N, C-alpha and C. Protein backbone atom coordinates (compact mmCIF):
# COMPACT_ATOMS: atom_id res chain seq x y z
N MET A 1 0.84 -1.18 0.00
CA MET A 1 0.00 0.00 0.00
C MET A 1 0.88 1.24 0.00
N SER A 2 0.64 2.16 -0.92
CA SER A 2 1.45 3.37 -0.98
C SER A 2 1.04 4.33 0.11
N ASP A 3 1.91 5.31 0.39
CA ASP A 3 1.58 6.32 1.40
C ASP A 3 0.31 7.06 1.02
N GLU A 4 0.15 7.34 -0.28
CA GLU A 4 -1.01 8.07 -0.74
C GLU A 4 -2.30 7.31 -0.46
N SER A 5 -2.28 5.99 -0.60
CA SER A 5 -3.49 5.22 -0.38
C SER A 5 -3.80 5.06 1.11
N LYS A 6 -2.86 5.38 1.99
CA LYS A 6 -3.12 5.32 3.43
C LYS A 6 -3.92 6.53 3.90
N THR A 7 -3.94 7.59 3.13
CA THR A 7 -4.70 8.78 3.47
C THR A 7 -6.12 8.59 2.94
N PRO A 8 -7.10 8.52 3.85
CA PRO A 8 -8.48 8.31 3.37
C PRO A 8 -8.94 9.45 2.48
N ARG A 9 -9.65 9.08 1.45
CA ARG A 9 -10.24 10.05 0.52
C ARG A 9 -11.74 9.83 0.54
N THR A 10 -12.51 10.89 0.64
CA THR A 10 -13.97 10.76 0.69
C THR A 10 -14.47 10.03 -0.56
N PRO A 11 -15.61 9.37 -0.45
CA PRO A 11 -16.12 8.60 -1.59
C PRO A 11 -16.29 9.43 -2.87
N ASP A 12 -16.58 10.72 -2.74
CA ASP A 12 -16.74 11.55 -3.92
C ASP A 12 -15.41 12.12 -4.41
N GLY A 13 -14.31 11.84 -3.70
CA GLY A 13 -12.97 12.26 -4.12
C GLY A 13 -12.65 13.72 -3.87
N ARG A 14 -13.54 14.42 -3.17
CA ARG A 14 -13.33 15.86 -2.98
C ARG A 14 -12.35 16.19 -1.86
N TYR A 15 -12.19 15.30 -0.90
CA TYR A 15 -11.36 15.60 0.27
C TYR A 15 -10.48 14.41 0.63
N VAL A 16 -9.36 14.72 1.28
CA VAL A 16 -8.57 13.72 1.99
C VAL A 16 -8.78 14.03 3.47
N VAL A 17 -8.59 13.03 4.30
CA VAL A 17 -8.78 13.21 5.74
C VAL A 17 -7.44 13.03 6.44
N VAL A 18 -7.05 14.05 7.17
CA VAL A 18 -5.80 14.02 7.94
C VAL A 18 -6.14 14.37 9.38
N ARG A 19 -5.87 13.41 10.28
CA ARG A 19 -6.16 13.58 11.71
C ARG A 19 -7.61 14.03 11.93
N GLY A 20 -8.52 13.43 11.19
CA GLY A 20 -9.93 13.68 11.38
C GLY A 20 -10.47 14.92 10.70
N ARG A 21 -9.62 15.65 10.00
CA ARG A 21 -10.03 16.90 9.36
C ARG A 21 -10.03 16.73 7.84
N LEU A 22 -11.05 17.30 7.20
CA LEU A 22 -11.15 17.27 5.75
C LEU A 22 -10.27 18.35 5.14
N TRP A 23 -9.52 17.96 4.12
CA TRP A 23 -8.71 18.91 3.36
C TRP A 23 -9.05 18.70 1.90
N ARG A 24 -9.33 19.78 1.20
CA ARG A 24 -9.73 19.66 -0.20
C ARG A 24 -8.63 19.00 -1.02
N ALA A 25 -9.03 18.01 -1.79
CA ALA A 25 -8.10 17.30 -2.67
C ALA A 25 -7.88 18.12 -3.94
N ALA A 26 -6.80 17.83 -4.61
CA ALA A 26 -6.52 18.48 -5.88
C ALA A 26 -7.58 18.07 -6.91
N ASN A 27 -7.80 18.94 -7.84
CA ASN A 27 -8.77 18.70 -8.91
C ASN A 27 -8.30 17.51 -9.76
N PRO A 28 -9.05 16.43 -9.77
CA PRO A 28 -8.64 15.26 -10.55
C PRO A 28 -8.79 15.44 -12.05
N HIS A 29 -9.41 16.54 -12.46
CA HIS A 29 -9.64 16.78 -13.89
C HIS A 29 -8.54 17.62 -14.53
N LEU A 30 -7.53 18.01 -13.75
CA LEU A 30 -6.42 18.77 -14.32
C LEU A 30 -5.62 17.88 -15.27
N PRO A 31 -5.20 18.43 -16.39
CA PRO A 31 -4.30 17.65 -17.27
C PRO A 31 -3.02 17.30 -16.49
N GLU A 32 -2.49 16.13 -16.72
CA GLU A 32 -1.33 15.64 -15.97
C GLU A 32 -0.14 16.60 -16.04
N ALA A 33 0.12 17.17 -17.20
CA ALA A 33 1.27 18.08 -17.32
C ALA A 33 1.06 19.33 -16.45
N GLU A 34 -0.16 19.85 -16.42
CA GLU A 34 -0.45 21.02 -15.60
C GLU A 34 -0.34 20.67 -14.12
N ARG A 35 -0.88 19.52 -13.73
CA ARG A 35 -0.81 19.08 -12.34
C ARG A 35 0.64 18.93 -11.91
N ALA A 36 1.44 18.28 -12.74
CA ALA A 36 2.85 18.05 -12.42
C ALA A 36 3.60 19.38 -12.27
N ALA A 37 3.33 20.34 -13.14
CA ALA A 37 4.00 21.64 -13.06
C ALA A 37 3.60 22.37 -11.78
N LEU A 38 2.33 22.28 -11.41
CA LEU A 38 1.87 22.93 -10.18
C LEU A 38 2.47 22.27 -8.94
N VAL A 39 2.57 20.96 -8.94
CA VAL A 39 3.17 20.25 -7.81
C VAL A 39 4.65 20.63 -7.69
N THR A 40 5.34 20.71 -8.81
CA THR A 40 6.75 21.12 -8.79
C THR A 40 6.89 22.53 -8.23
N ALA A 41 6.02 23.44 -8.67
CA ALA A 41 6.05 24.81 -8.17
C ALA A 41 5.73 24.84 -6.68
N LEU A 42 4.78 24.03 -6.24
CA LEU A 42 4.42 23.97 -4.83
C LEU A 42 5.59 23.49 -3.98
N MET A 43 6.25 22.44 -4.42
CA MET A 43 7.37 21.90 -3.65
C MET A 43 8.52 22.91 -3.58
N ALA A 44 8.78 23.61 -4.67
CA ALA A 44 9.84 24.63 -4.67
C ALA A 44 9.48 25.77 -3.72
N ALA A 45 8.21 26.18 -3.74
CA ALA A 45 7.78 27.26 -2.86
C ALA A 45 7.85 26.83 -1.40
N ARG A 46 7.45 25.60 -1.11
CA ARG A 46 7.54 25.10 0.28
C ARG A 46 8.99 25.04 0.74
N SER A 47 9.87 24.66 -0.15
CA SER A 47 11.29 24.63 0.18
C SER A 47 11.78 26.04 0.50
N ASP A 48 11.31 27.02 -0.27
CA ASP A 48 11.70 28.41 -0.01
C ASP A 48 11.11 28.92 1.30
N VAL A 49 9.91 28.47 1.67
CA VAL A 49 9.35 28.84 2.97
C VAL A 49 10.29 28.35 4.07
N ALA A 50 10.71 27.11 3.97
CA ALA A 50 11.62 26.55 4.98
C ALA A 50 12.93 27.33 5.02
N ARG A 51 13.47 27.63 3.84
CA ARG A 51 14.74 28.37 3.78
C ARG A 51 14.58 29.76 4.37
N ALA A 52 13.45 30.42 4.06
CA ALA A 52 13.19 31.76 4.59
C ALA A 52 13.08 31.72 6.11
N ASN A 53 12.44 30.69 6.63
CA ASN A 53 12.33 30.56 8.09
C ASN A 53 13.70 30.33 8.73
N ARG A 54 14.52 29.50 8.09
CA ARG A 54 15.87 29.24 8.64
C ARG A 54 16.73 30.49 8.64
N THR A 55 16.61 31.28 7.57
CA THR A 55 17.47 32.46 7.42
C THR A 55 16.81 33.74 7.90
N GLU A 56 15.57 33.62 8.37
CA GLU A 56 14.80 34.77 8.84
C GLU A 56 14.70 35.86 7.77
N ASP A 57 14.46 35.42 6.53
CA ASP A 57 14.34 36.33 5.39
C ASP A 57 12.86 36.63 5.16
N ALA A 58 12.39 37.75 5.67
CA ALA A 58 10.97 38.09 5.61
C ALA A 58 10.48 38.29 4.17
N THR A 59 11.31 38.85 3.33
CA THR A 59 10.91 39.08 1.94
C THR A 59 10.72 37.76 1.21
N LEU A 60 11.68 36.86 1.38
CA LEU A 60 11.57 35.54 0.76
C LEU A 60 10.36 34.80 1.31
N LEU A 61 10.13 34.91 2.61
CA LEU A 61 9.00 34.22 3.22
C LEU A 61 7.68 34.70 2.63
N THR A 62 7.52 35.99 2.49
CA THR A 62 6.29 36.54 1.92
C THR A 62 6.09 36.04 0.49
N ASP A 63 7.14 36.09 -0.30
CA ASP A 63 7.06 35.63 -1.69
C ASP A 63 6.79 34.13 -1.76
N ALA A 64 7.46 33.36 -0.94
CA ALA A 64 7.30 31.90 -0.97
C ALA A 64 5.88 31.51 -0.55
N ARG A 65 5.35 32.16 0.46
CA ARG A 65 3.97 31.86 0.88
C ARG A 65 2.97 32.23 -0.20
N ARG A 66 3.22 33.32 -0.90
CA ARG A 66 2.36 33.71 -2.02
C ARG A 66 2.38 32.64 -3.10
N ARG A 67 3.57 32.10 -3.38
CA ARG A 67 3.69 31.06 -4.41
C ARG A 67 3.05 29.75 -3.96
N VAL A 68 3.15 29.41 -2.67
CA VAL A 68 2.46 28.22 -2.15
C VAL A 68 0.96 28.38 -2.38
N HIS A 69 0.44 29.53 -2.00
CA HIS A 69 -0.99 29.78 -2.16
C HIS A 69 -1.41 29.69 -3.63
N ALA A 70 -0.64 30.31 -4.51
CA ALA A 70 -0.97 30.30 -5.94
C ALA A 70 -0.99 28.87 -6.49
N ALA A 71 -0.02 28.06 -6.09
CA ALA A 71 0.02 26.67 -6.56
C ALA A 71 -1.17 25.88 -6.03
N LYS A 72 -1.53 26.10 -4.78
CA LYS A 72 -2.67 25.39 -4.20
C LYS A 72 -3.98 25.82 -4.85
N VAL A 73 -4.10 27.09 -5.19
CA VAL A 73 -5.29 27.54 -5.92
C VAL A 73 -5.32 26.88 -7.29
N GLY A 74 -4.19 26.84 -7.95
CA GLY A 74 -4.12 26.19 -9.26
C GLY A 74 -4.49 24.72 -9.22
N LEU A 75 -4.09 24.05 -8.14
CA LEU A 75 -4.42 22.63 -7.97
C LEU A 75 -5.87 22.41 -7.56
N GLY A 76 -6.52 23.47 -7.10
CA GLY A 76 -7.91 23.35 -6.65
C GLY A 76 -8.05 23.08 -5.17
N GLU A 77 -6.95 23.10 -4.45
CA GLU A 77 -6.98 22.84 -3.01
C GLU A 77 -7.43 24.06 -2.22
N ARG A 78 -7.34 25.23 -2.82
CA ARG A 78 -7.80 26.49 -2.22
C ARG A 78 -8.56 27.24 -3.29
N GLY A 79 -9.20 28.33 -2.87
CA GLY A 79 -9.95 29.15 -3.83
C GLY A 79 -11.28 28.49 -4.16
N PRO A 80 -11.84 28.84 -5.31
CA PRO A 80 -13.14 28.28 -5.70
C PRO A 80 -13.06 26.75 -5.79
N VAL A 81 -14.16 26.10 -5.42
CA VAL A 81 -14.19 24.64 -5.52
C VAL A 81 -14.11 24.22 -6.98
N TRP A 82 -13.59 23.02 -7.21
CA TRP A 82 -13.44 22.54 -8.58
C TRP A 82 -14.63 21.73 -9.06
N TRP A 83 -15.56 21.41 -8.20
CA TRP A 83 -16.75 20.68 -8.63
C TRP A 83 -17.85 21.69 -8.98
N ALA A 84 -18.78 21.26 -9.82
CA ALA A 84 -19.77 22.19 -10.37
C ALA A 84 -21.20 21.85 -9.99
N ASP A 85 -21.40 20.99 -8.99
CA ASP A 85 -22.77 20.59 -8.65
C ASP A 85 -23.40 21.44 -7.56
N GLY A 86 -22.70 22.50 -7.12
CA GLY A 86 -23.24 23.39 -6.11
C GLY A 86 -23.07 22.91 -4.68
N ALA A 87 -22.42 21.77 -4.47
CA ALA A 87 -22.22 21.26 -3.11
C ALA A 87 -21.31 22.21 -2.33
N PRO A 88 -21.61 22.38 -1.04
CA PRO A 88 -20.78 23.29 -0.23
C PRO A 88 -19.37 22.73 -0.02
N ASP A 89 -18.50 23.63 0.41
CA ASP A 89 -17.11 23.26 0.68
C ASP A 89 -16.95 23.02 2.18
N TYR A 90 -16.47 21.84 2.54
CA TYR A 90 -16.24 21.49 3.94
C TYR A 90 -14.75 21.47 4.28
N ASN A 91 -13.95 22.17 3.49
CA ASN A 91 -12.51 22.20 3.70
C ASN A 91 -12.18 22.65 5.12
N ARG A 92 -11.25 21.93 5.74
CA ARG A 92 -10.71 22.21 7.07
C ARG A 92 -11.67 21.89 8.21
N ARG A 93 -12.81 21.32 7.92
CA ARG A 93 -13.76 20.96 8.98
C ARG A 93 -13.49 19.55 9.47
N LEU A 94 -13.85 19.29 10.71
CA LEU A 94 -13.74 17.94 11.23
C LEU A 94 -14.74 17.05 10.50
N ALA A 95 -14.27 15.92 10.03
CA ALA A 95 -15.14 15.02 9.25
C ALA A 95 -16.39 14.65 10.04
N ARG A 96 -16.27 14.48 11.33
CA ARG A 96 -17.41 14.06 12.15
C ARG A 96 -18.51 15.12 12.22
N ASN A 97 -18.20 16.34 11.82
CA ASN A 97 -19.18 17.44 11.84
C ASN A 97 -19.68 17.80 10.45
N THR A 98 -19.56 16.88 9.51
CA THR A 98 -19.97 17.13 8.13
C THR A 98 -20.86 15.99 7.65
N PRO A 99 -21.40 16.12 6.45
CA PRO A 99 -22.18 15.01 5.90
C PRO A 99 -21.36 13.73 5.68
N TYR A 100 -20.05 13.80 5.83
CA TYR A 100 -19.19 12.63 5.69
C TYR A 100 -19.03 11.87 7.01
N ALA A 101 -19.71 12.29 8.06
CA ALA A 101 -19.54 11.73 9.41
C ALA A 101 -19.75 10.22 9.44
N ASP A 102 -20.83 9.72 8.85
CA ASP A 102 -21.10 8.27 8.89
C ASP A 102 -20.01 7.50 8.15
N TRP A 103 -19.62 7.99 7.01
CA TRP A 103 -18.55 7.35 6.24
C TRP A 103 -17.26 7.32 7.07
N TYR A 104 -16.92 8.45 7.70
CA TYR A 104 -15.70 8.54 8.47
C TYR A 104 -15.75 7.63 9.69
N ALA A 105 -16.89 7.56 10.34
CA ALA A 105 -17.04 6.70 11.53
C ALA A 105 -16.77 5.24 11.17
N LYS A 106 -17.18 4.81 9.99
CA LYS A 106 -16.95 3.43 9.55
C LYS A 106 -15.46 3.15 9.36
N LEU A 107 -14.68 4.20 9.08
CA LEU A 107 -13.23 4.02 8.94
C LEU A 107 -12.55 3.79 10.29
N GLY A 108 -13.22 4.25 11.35
CA GLY A 108 -12.64 4.11 12.69
C GLY A 108 -11.50 5.08 12.93
N GLY A 109 -11.53 6.21 12.23
CA GLY A 109 -10.46 7.19 12.37
C GLY A 109 -10.52 7.92 13.70
N PRO A 110 -9.50 8.72 14.00
CA PRO A 110 -9.45 9.45 15.26
C PRO A 110 -10.63 10.42 15.36
N GLY A 111 -11.28 10.42 16.51
CA GLY A 111 -12.38 11.34 16.75
C GLY A 111 -13.64 11.01 16.00
N ALA A 112 -13.72 9.82 15.42
CA ALA A 112 -14.90 9.46 14.62
C ALA A 112 -16.13 9.28 15.46
């Protein structure tokens, strides 16, 4: 089992669950080349966040955080939802407090 498959994903594929909290998943409809480019940009920006924190470079930190946010918006993890059926966004909410509660309880996850 890969690390990715150990992270529960809601049945509709909209969220992953980490420590009982829903986090919006990347848009599965992105072309692979676009997704790969955004992931590469995200990893580079996260690396720069770490470097900025180590070196206490406030300018780099601001820029790196902006790039992290932009990559996450591009991936669909932040900003407007990527689904078009009008369903609300439960990003960052505890799974047990959402319509996914019964599904999550069956997983036996923390706080279910």
